Amino acid sequence: DDYKNAVYLQMNSLKPEDTATYYCNAEYRGYNLWGQ
């Protein structure tokens, strides 16, 4: 949602192998920004 400056990930039918730390990333022309 570019008006809210937000990105979402809807995860359905989750499996145990989906267990992990999930990180948000923003990339522009080789510049990367990461969430915590």
All heavy atoms as atom14 arrays in JSON, in Angstrom:
{
  "sequence": "DDYKNAVYLQMNSLKPEDTATYYCNAEYRGYNLWGQ",
  "atom14_mask": [
    [1, 1, 1, 1, 1, 1, 1, 1, 0, 0, 0, 0, 0, 0],
    [1, 1, 1, 1, 1, 1, 1, 1, 0, 0, 0, 0, 0, 0],
    [1, 1, 1, 1, 1, 1, 1, 1, 1, 1, 1, 1, 0, 0],
    [1, 1, 1, 1, 1, 1, 1, 1, 1, 0, 0, 0, 0, 0],
    [1, 1, 1, 1, 1, 1, 1, 1, 0, 0, 0, 0, 0, 0],
    [1, 1, 1, 1, 1, 0, 0, 0, 0, 0, 0, 0, 0, 0],
    [1, 1, 1, 1, 1, 1, 1, 0, 0, 0, 0, 0, 0, 0],
    [1, 1, 1, 1, 1, 1, 1, 1, 1, 1, 1, 1, 0, 0],
    [1, 1, 1, 1, 1, 1, 1, 1, 0, 0, 0, 0, 0, 0],
    [1, 1, 1, 1, 1, 1, 1, 1, 1, 0, 0, 0, 0, 0],
    [1, 1, 1, 1, 1, 1, 1, 1, 0, 0, 0, 0, 0, 0],
    [1, 1, 1, 1, 1, 1, 1, 1, 0, 0, 0, 0, 0, 0],
    [1, 1, 1, 1, 1, 1, 0, 0, 0, 0, 0, 0, 0, 0],
    [1, 1, 1, 1, 1, 1, 1, 1, 0, 0, 0, 0, 0, 0],
    [1, 1, 1, 1, 1, 1, 1, 1, 1, 0, 0, 0, 0, 0],
    [1, 1, 1, 1, 1, 1, 1, 0, 0, 0, 0, 0, 0, 0],
    [1, 1, 1, 1, 1, 1, 1, 1, 1, 0, 0, 0, 0, 0],
    [1, 1, 1, 1, 1, 1, 1, 1, 0, 0, 0, 0, 0, 0],
    [1, 1, 1, 1, 1, 1, 1, 0, 0, 0, 0, 0, 0, 0],
    [1, 1, 1, 1, 1, 0, 0, 0, 0, 0, 0, 0, 0, 0],
    [1, 1, 1, 1, 1, 1, 1, 0, 0, 0, 0, 0, 0, 0],
    [1, 1, 1, 1, 1, 1, 1, 1, 1, 1, 1, 1, 0, 0],
    [1, 1, 1, 1, 1, 1, 1, 1, 1, 1, 1, 1, 0, 0],
    [1, 1, 1, 1, 1, 1, 0, 0, 0, 0, 0, 0, 0, 0],
    [1, 1, 1, 1, 1, 1, 1, 1, 0, 0, 0, 0, 0, 0],
    [1, 1, 1, 1, 1, 0, 0, 0, 0, 0, 0, 0, 0, 0],
    [1, 1, 1, 1, 1, 1, 1, 1, 1, 0, 0, 0, 0, 0],
    [1, 1, 1, 1, 1, 1, 1, 1, 1, 1, 1, 1, 0, 0],
    [1, 1, 1, 1, 1, 1, 1, 1, 1, 1, 1, 0, 0, 0],
    [1, 1, 1, 1, 0, 0, 0, 0, 0, 0, 0, 0, 0, 0],
    [1, 1, 1, 1, 1, 1, 1, 1, 1, 1, 1, 1, 0, 0],
    [1, 1, 1, 1, 1, 1, 1, 1, 0, 0, 0, 0, 0, 0],
    [1, 1, 1, 1, 1, 1, 1, 1, 0, 0, 0, 0, 0, 0],
    [1, 1, 1, 1, 1, 1, 1, 1, 1, 1, 1, 1, 1, 1],
    [1, 1, 1, 1, 0, 0, 0, 0, 0, 0, 0, 0, 0, 0],
    [1, 1, 1, 1, 1, 1, 1, 1, 1, 0, 0, 0, 0, 0]
  ],
  "atom14_positions": [
    [[0.88, -1.17, 0.0], [0.0, 0.0, 0.0], [0.91, 1.22, 0.0], [1.48, 1.58, 1.04], [-0.9, -0.02, 1.23], [-1.93, 1.1, 1.22], [-1.66, 2.15, 0.6], [-2.98, 0.96, 1.86], [0.0, 0.0, 0.0], [0.0, 0.0, 0.0], [0.0, 0.0, 0.0], [0.0, 0.0, 0.0], [0.0, 0.0, 0.0], [0.0, 0.0, 0.0]],
    [[1.06, 1.82, -1.18], [1.99, 2.94, -1.3], [1.49, 4.2, -0.6], [2.27, 5.12, -0.36], [2.27, 3.22, -2.77], [3.15, 2.15, -3.41], [3.52, 1.18, -2.7], [3.47, 2.27, -4.61], [0.0, 0.0, 0.0], [0.0, 0.0, 0.0], [0.0, 0.0, 0.0], [0.0, 0.0, 0.0], [0.0, 0.0, 0.0], [0.0, 0.0, 0.0]],
    [[0.2, 4.26, -0.28], [-0.31, 5.41, 0.46], [0.03, 5.29, 1.95], [0.22, 6.31, 2.63], [-1.83, 5.53, 0.28], [-2.22, 5.9, -1.12], [-2.66, 4.94, -2.02], [-2.12, 7.22, -1.57], [-3.0, 5.28, -3.32], [-2.47, 7.56, -2.87], [-2.91, 6.58, -3.74], [-3.23, 6.92, -5.03], [0.0, 0.0, 0.0], [0.0, 0.0, 0.0]],
    [[0.1, 4.08, 2.42], [0.44, 3.85, 3.84], [1.91, 3.51, 4.04], [2.34, 3.28, 5.18], [-0.43, 2.72, 4.4], [-1.92, 3.05, 4.45], [-2.71, 1.92, 5.09], [-4.18, 2.27, 5.18], [-4.97, 1.16, 5.79], [0.0, 0.0, 0.0], [0.0, 0.0, 0.0], [0.0, 0.0, 0.0], [0.0, 0.0, 0.0], [0.0, 0.0, 0.0]],
    [[2.67, 3.46, 2.94], [4.09, 3.08, 3.03], [4.24, 1.75, 3.76], [5.04, 1.61, 4.7], [4.91, 4.16, 3.75], [5.14, 5.37, 2.89], [4.68, 5.44, 1.75], [5.83, 6.36, 3.41], [0.0, 0.0, 0.0], [0.0, 0.0, 0.0], [0.0, 0.0, 0.0], [0.0, 0.0, 0.0], [0.0, 0.0, 0.0], [0.0, 0.0, 0.0]],
    [[3.45, 0.77, 3.32], [3.44, -0.51, 4.01], [3.43, -1.67, 3.02], [2.92, -1.55, 1.9], [2.22, -0.61, 4.93], [0.0, 0.0, 0.0], [0.0, 0.0, 0.0], [0.0, 0.0, 0.0], [0.0, 0.0, 0.0], [0.0, 0.0, 0.0], [0.0, 0.0, 0.0], [0.0, 0.0, 0.0], [0.0, 0.0, 0.0], [0.0, 0.0, 0.0]],
    [[3.99, -2.77, 3.47], [3.96, -4.02, 2.72], [3.48, -5.11, 3.66], [3.75, -5.07, 4.86], [5.34, -4.34, 2.1], [6.39, -4.55, 3.17], [5.26, -5.54, 1.17], [0.0, 0.0, 0.0], [0.0, 0.0, 0.0], [0.0, 0.0, 0.0], [0.0, 0.0, 0.0], [0.0, 0.0, 0.0], [0.0, 0.0, 0.0], [0.0, 0.0, 0.0]],
    [[2.76, -6.06, 3.08], [2.14, -7.1, 3.88], [2.48, -8.49, 3.33], [2.77, -8.63, 2.14], [0.62, -6.93, 3.88], [0.17, -5.54, 4.24], [-0.16, -4.62, 3.25], [0.1, -5.14, 5.57], [-0.56, -3.33, 3.57], [-0.3, -3.85, 5.9], [-0.62, -2.95, 4.91], [-1.0, -1.68, 5.23], [0.0, 0.0, 0.0], [0.0, 0.0, 0.0]],
    [[2.43, -9.47, 4.21], [2.58, -10.85, 3.78], [1.48, -11.66, 4.45], [1.51, -11.88, 5.67], [3.95, -11.41, 4.16], [4.25, -12.81, 3.63], [4.38, -12.79, 2.09], [5.52, -13.37, 4.25], [0.0, 0.0, 0.0], [0.0, 0.0, 0.0], [0.0, 0.0, 0.0], [0.0, 0.0, 0.0], [0.0, 0.0, 0.0], [0.0, 0.0, 0.0]],
    [[0.51, -12.08, 3.65], [-0.54, -12.95, 4.15], [-0.08, -14.39, 4.01], [0.24, -14.84, 2.9], [-1.83, -12.73, 3.36], [-2.98, -13.65, 3.77], [-3.45, -13.38, 5.18], [-3.61, -12.22, 5.58], [-3.7, -14.42, 5.95], [0.0, 0.0, 0.0], [0.0, 0.0, 0.0], [0.0, 0.0, 0.0], [0.0, 0.0, 0.0], [0.0, 0.0, 0.0]],
    [[-0.02, -15.09, 5.12], [0.49, -16.46, 5.14], [-0.63, -17.4, 5.55], [-1.13, -17.31, 6.68], [1.67, -16.57, 6.1], [2.78, -15.59, 5.81], [4.25, -15.83, 6.85], [3.58, -15.4, 8.44], [0.0, 0.0, 0.0], [0.0, 0.0, 0.0], [0.0, 0.0, 0.0], [0.0, 0.0, 0.0], [0.0, 0.0, 0.0], [0.0, 0.0, 0.0]],
    [[-1.01, -18.27, 4.64], [-2.06, -19.26, 4.91], [-1.47, -20.66, 4.85], [-0.38, -20.88, 4.32], [-3.18, -19.12, 3.88], [-3.86, -17.78, 3.92], [-3.98, -17.16, 4.98], [-4.32, -17.31, 2.77], [0.0, 0.0, 0.0], [0.0, 0.0, 0.0], [0.0, 0.0, 0.0], [0.0, 0.0, 0.0], [0.0, 0.0, 0.0], [0.0, 0.0, 0.0]],
    [[-2.22, -21.61, 5.37], [-1.8, -23.01, 5.36], [-0.37, -23.17, 5.87], [0.46, -23.85, 5.25], [-1.93, -23.6, 3.94], [-3.26, -23.49, 3.47], [0.0, 0.0, 0.0], [0.0, 0.0, 0.0], [0.0, 0.0, 0.0], [0.0, 0.0, 0.0], [0.0, 0.0, 0.0], [0.0, 0.0, 0.0], [0.0, 0.0, 0.0], [0.0, 0.0, 0.0]],
    [[-0.09, -22.54, 6.97], [1.27, -22.54, 7.5], [1.71, -23.95, 7.9], [0.91, -24.76, 8.38], [1.38, -21.59, 8.68], [1.46, -20.11, 8.28], [1.1, -19.21, 9.45], [2.86, -19.79, 7.77], [0.0, 0.0, 0.0], [0.0, 0.0, 0.0], [0.0, 0.0, 0.0], [0.0, 0.0, 0.0], [0.0, 0.0, 0.0], [0.0, 0.0, 0.0]],
    [[2.99, -24.18, 7.71], [3.6, -25.47, 8.01], [4.72, -25.27, 9.04], [5.3, -24.17, 9.11], [4.19, -26.09, 6.74], [3.22, -26.24, 5.59], [3.93, -26.74, 4.34], [2.98, -26.88, 3.17], [3.67, -27.37, 1.95], [0.0, 0.0, 0.0], [0.0, 0.0, 0.0], [0.0, 0.0, 0.0], [0.0, 0.0, 0.0], [0.0, 0.0, 0.0]],
    [[5.08, -26.31, 9.77], [6.19, -26.17, 10.72], [7.48, -25.68, 10.06], [8.25, -24.93, 10.69], [6.35, -27.59, 11.28], [4.97, -28.16, 11.2], [4.39, -27.6, 9.92], [0.0, 0.0, 0.0], [0.0, 0.0, 0.0], [0.0, 0.0, 0.0], [0.0, 0.0, 0.0], [0.0, 0.0, 0.0], [0.0, 0.0, 0.0], [0.0, 0.0, 0.0]],
    [[7.69, -26.06, 8.81], [8.91, -25.62, 8.12], [8.89, -24.14, 7.76], [9.9, -23.6, 7.28], [9.16, -26.47, 6.87], [7.98, -26.6, 5.93], [7.19, -27.88, 6.16], [6.95, -28.24, 7.34], [6.81, -28.51, 5.15], [0.0, 0.0, 0.0], [0.0, 0.0, 0.0], [0.0, 0.0, 0.0], [0.0, 0.0, 0.0], [0.0, 0.0, 0.0]],
    [[7.78, -23.46, 7.97], [7.73, -22.0, 7.79], [8.26, -21.27, 9.01], [8.4, -20.04, 8.99], [6.3, -21.55, 7.51], [5.75, -22.08, 6.2], [6.49, -22.06, 5.2], [4.57, -22.49, 6.19], [0.0, 0.0, 0.0], [0.0, 0.0, 0.0], [0.0, 0.0, 0.0], [0.0, 0.0, 0.0], [0.0, 0.0, 0.0], [0.0, 0.0, 0.0]],
    [[8.55, -21.99, 10.08], [9.08, -21.36, 11.29], [10.41, -20.69, 11.0], [11.34, -21.31, 10.48], [9.26, -22.42, 12.39], [7.96, -22.93, 12.76], [9.94, -21.83, 13.61], [0.0, 0.0, 0.0], [0.0, 0.0, 0.0], [0.0, 0.0, 0.0], [0.0, 0.0, 0.0], [0.0, 0.0, 0.0], [0.0, 0.0, 0.0], [0.0, 0.0, 0.0]],
    [[10.49, -19.4, 11.33], [11.69, -18.61, 11.05], [11.48, -17.19, 11.57], [10.37, -16.82, 11.96], [11.97, -18.57, 9.55], [0.0, 0.0, 0.0], [0.0, 0.0, 0.0], [0.0, 0.0, 0.0], [0.0, 0.0, 0.0], [0.0, 0.0, 0.0], [0.0, 0.0, 0.0], [0.0, 0.0, 0.0], [0.0, 0.0, 0.0], [0.0, 0.0, 0.0]],
    [[12.56, -16.44, 11.54], [12.44, -15.0, 11.72], [12.24, -14.39, 10.34], [13.01, -14.66, 9.42], [13.69, -14.41, 12.38], [13.89, -15.04, 13.65], [13.53, -12.92, 12.58], [0.0, 0.0, 0.0], [0.0, 0.0, 0.0], [0.0, 0.0, 0.0], [0.0, 0.0, 0.0], [0.0, 0.0, 0.0], [0.0, 0.0, 0.0], [0.0, 0.0, 0.0]],
    [[11.19, -13.58, 10.22], [10.85, -12.97, 8.95], [11.3, -11.51, 8.95], [11.01, -10.76, 9.9], [9.35, -13.07, 8.71], [8.92, -14.45, 8.28], [8.95, -15.51, 9.17], [8.52, -14.71, 6.97], [8.59, -16.8, 8.79], [8.15, -15.99, 6.57], [8.19, -17.02, 7.49], [7.83, -18.29, 7.08], [0.0, 0.0, 0.0], [0.0, 0.0, 0.0]],
    [[11.98, -11.13, 7.88], [12.54, -9.8, 7.76], [11.93, -9.07, 6.57], [11.81, -9.64, 5.47], [14.05, -9.85, 7.56], [14.81, -10.44, 8.72], [15.08, -11.8, 8.77], [15.27, -9.64, 9.75], [15.78, -12.35, 9.83], [15.98, -10.17, 10.82], [16.23, -11.53, 10.85], [16.92, -12.08, 11.89], [0.0, 0.0, 0.0], [0.0, 0.0, 0.0]],
    [[11.61, -7.83, 6.78], [11.17, -6.95, 5.7], [12.41, -6.3, 5.06], [13.37, -5.95, 5.77], [10.25, -5.88, 6.28], [9.59, -4.71, 5.09], [0.0, 0.0, 0.0], [0.0, 0.0, 0.0], [0.0, 0.0, 0.0], [0.0, 0.0, 0.0], [0.0, 0.0, 0.0], [0.0, 0.0, 0.0], [0.0, 0.0, 0.0], [0.0, 0.0, 0.0]],
    [[12.39, -6.18, 3.75], [13.51, -5.59, 3.01], [12.98, -4.57, 2.01], [11.95, -4.79, 1.37], [14.28, -6.7, 2.29], [15.33, -6.16, 1.34], [15.07, -6.0, 0.15], [16.5, -5.86, 1.87], [0.0, 0.0, 0.0], [0.0, 0.0, 0.0], [0.0, 0.0, 0.0], [0.0, 0.0, 0.0], [0.0, 0.0, 0.0], [0.0, 0.0, 0.0]],
    [[13.73, -3.48, 1.87], [13.45, -2.48, 0.84], [14.71, -2.32, 0.0], [15.81, -2.11, 0.55], [13.06, -1.16, 1.47], [0.0, 0.0, 0.0], [0.0, 0.0, 0.0], [0.0, 0.0, 0.0], [0.0, 0.0, 0.0], [0.0, 0.0, 0.0], [0.0, 0.0, 0.0], [0.0, 0.0, 0.0], [0.0, 0.0, 0.0], [0.0, 0.0, 0.0]],
    [[14.59, -2.44, -1.3], [15.75, -2.37, -2.19], [15.5, -1.38, -3.31], [14.45, -1.39, -3.95], [16.05, -3.75, -2.77], [17.36, -3.82, -3.57], [17.2, -3.43, -5.02], [16.11, -3.65, -5.59], [18.16, -2.88, -5.6], [0.0, 0.0, 0.0], [0.0, 0.0, 0.0], [0.0, 0.0, 0.0], [0.0, 0.0, 0.0], [0.0, 0.0, 0.0]],
    [[16.5, -0.52, -3.55], [16.43, 0.43, -4.66], [17.83, 0.66, -5.18], [18.7, 1.15, -4.43], [15.81, 1.75, -4.2], [15.76, 2.81, -5.28], [14.99, 2.64, -6.43], [16.5, 4.0, -5.15], [14.95, 3.6, -7.42], [16.46, 4.96, -6.14], [15.68, 4.77, -7.27], [15.64, 5.72, -8.25], [0.0, 0.0, 0.0], [0.0, 0.0, 0.0]],
    [[18.06, 0.25, -6.4], [19.35, 0.45, -7.08], [20.51, 0.0, -6.2], [21.53, 0.69, -6.08], [19.51, 1.92, -7.47], [18.51, 2.34, -8.54], [18.8, 3.73, -9.08], [17.86, 4.1, -10.13], [17.91, 5.26, -10.8], [18.83, 6.16, -10.52], [17.02, 5.51, -11.74], [0.0, 0.0, 0.0], [0.0, 0.0, 0.0], [0.0, 0.0, 0.0]],
    [[20.37, -1.16, -5.61], [21.45, -1.76, -4.84], [21.5, -1.33, -3.38], [22.26, -1.92, -2.59], [0.0, 0.0, 0.0], [0.0, 0.0, 0.0], [0.0, 0.0, 0.0], [0.0, 0.0, 0.0], [0.0, 0.0, 0.0], [0.0, 0.0, 0.0], [0.0, 0.0, 0.0], [0.0, 0.0, 0.0], [0.0, 0.0, 0.0], [0.0, 0.0, 0.0]],
    [[20.71, -0.36, -3.02], [20.63, 0.05, -1.61], [19.58, -0.8, -0.92], [18.45, -0.91, -1.4], [20.25, 1.52, -1.51], [19.95, 1.97, -0.09], [20.97, 2.19, 0.83], [18.63, 2.18, 0.32], [20.69, 2.61, 2.12], [18.34, 2.58, 1.6], [19.37, 2.8, 2.5], [19.09, 3.2, 3.78], [0.0, 0.0, 0.0], [0.0, 0.0, 0.0]],
    [[19.99, -1.42, 0.18], [19.09, -2.31, 0.92], [18.86, -1.8, 2.33], [19.8, -1.42, 3.03], [19.67, -3.72, 0.99], [19.4, -4.51, -0.27], [18.33, -5.09, -0.44], [20.35, -4.51, -1.17], [0.0, 0.0, 0.0], [0.0, 0.0, 0.0], [0.0, 0.0, 0.0], [0.0, 0.0, 0.0], [0.0, 0.0, 0.0], [0.0, 0.0, 0.0]],
    [[17.62, -1.86, 2.73], [17.22, -1.5, 4.09], [16.51, -2.7, 4.69], [15.67, -3.32, 4.01], [16.3, -0.29, 4.05], [15.81, 0.29, 5.37], [16.96, 0.8, 6.21], [14.79, 1.4, 5.11], [0.0, 0.0, 0.0], [0.0, 0.0, 0.0], [0.0, 0.0, 0.0], [0.0, 0.0, 0.0], [0.0, 0.0, 0.0], [0.0, 0.0, 0.0]],
    [[16.84, -3.02, 5.95], [16.26, -4.2, 6.6], [15.52, -3.8, 7.88], [15.94, -2.89, 8.59], [17.36, -5.19, 6.97], [18.02, -5.83, 5.8], [19.15, -5.41, 5.18], [17.59, -7.01, 5.11], [19.45, -6.25, 4.13], [18.52, -7.24, 4.07], [16.53, -7.89, 5.26], [18.4, -8.33, 3.18], [16.42, -8.97, 4.4], [17.33, -9.18, 3.37]],
    [[14.47, -4.55, 8.15], [13.81, -4.42, 9.44], [14.5, -5.28, 10.48], [15.47, -5.99, 10.19], [0.0, 0.0, 0.0], [0.0, 0.0, 0.0], [0.0, 0.0, 0.0], [0.0, 0.0, 0.0], [0.0, 0.0, 0.0], [0.0, 0.0, 0.0], [0.0, 0.0, 0.0], [0.0, 0.0, 0.0], [0.0, 0.0, 0.0], [0.0, 0.0, 0.0]],
    [[13.97, -5.23, 11.68], [14.6, -5.95, 12.79], [14.16, -7.4, 12.86], [14.76, -8.21, 13.57], [14.27, -5.24, 14.12], [12.91, -5.57, 14.72], [11.74, -4.92, 14.0], [11.93, -4.11, 13.08], [10.54, -5.26, 14.41], [0.0, 0.0, 0.0], [0.0, 0.0, 0.0], [0.0, 0.0, 0.0], [0.0, 0.0, 0.0], [0.0, 0.0, 0.0]]
  ]
}
